[in-house]
Amino acid sequence: MRVLHGIAATGVALAVLGMSACSNDDSTGAGAQPTKAALPSAPLKVTSAVDSALLEKFPEGVRKSGVIRLAADPNYPPSAFKNSSGEIIGVGADFAAALTARTGLRVEWVEVPFDGMLAGLKARRFDASWSAWTVTQERTEVLNLVSYVNGGTSAMVKAGNPKGIKKSLDLCGRTVAAQTGTAQAQGNMDSLQEECAKAGKSKIKPMIVPQQSNVNQAVATGRADAMLADNTAVAYQAKLQPNLFQSVDTILLQPAPAGVAVAKDQEELAAALAAFYNGLIADGTYMKILDRWDIGNAAVPKSQVNAAAS
């Protein structure tokens, strides 16, 4: 999932913290509306059933205000993006709706580019980064990550897979696109270059561009032979526009749990969010949300704080 840069103050290398993004406004595959694939076009309606014991787990400041501020970069289907009415929808929006239903807390969205999430958390501009941060040891040294899905990097190619890309080494010598500031553009691309070198194959030709919409467009127009992105994003986009894209299910790089991020000194909030997710797992709402976006295979049996960091 996403990898954000910029932890110089802690001594952590810049390439260790992040993710990627898709938009919904490009006719070449970056942003068709979900209705074209019979996928949701509005947030989930969750029946209100406030759990007072769960609410008590949240920090006093949040409880007193009655508001929880969640940061989103709404350009990344299916995690968070906007429908034709400008409303934030996606997996994250559905979980936010469930959070309100279970706690009574009103969600206040704060729109932030993903590479601004870390600074925003440190400055207390919002309470949590409501994105799917891949859990790594480096990130857990400066953040608390509350896992709610299993993630990893997958590849997507043009429909029909004209270049016959089936395994990671098939990317060698190819033009491979990824979004700036992501795990795919940094760690994954570097690891693949090493694999190609060890196998005596030509180097990958990276195409690193600012937005996921640009990445998708590069594949749709043939300027890139393949792209790398989060497994859930790839599955969503391939389902959304099967006439343009095809996921390469046989490629999954660096599988790992992923979750929302809160500041390192906000242990109480992290524990409360883990309890929230586990409540949804127990009552079935969790799988309803994942299945709604056709990513049930990314489910985790239990939400944890800084789970299996590696």
Foldseek 3Di string as FASTA:
>chain_A
DFAAADPVVVVFHGQGRTFAFAAADDPLQRRPAQVLLPFDQDADADAADEDQVLLVLADPVQSVVLAFEEEEQQHHPQQWHHHPVRDIYHLLRNLQNLVCRHHVRHYDYDYDDGNCQLVCQVVCVGFWHSGWIFFAPSVLVWWKFKFFWKKFKWKKAWQPLVQPDQELLSQAPFEEEEEPRGCCQPVVLVVSQVVCVVVVTHHHRYDYYHHVSVRSSCRQVVVGGMYMHMPLRLVLSCSSCVNTMDINVNYTHDIGTIGMIHGNPRVSNSVSVQVSSQVCLVVVVSCVSCVSSPNSVGGDNGIDISPPHD
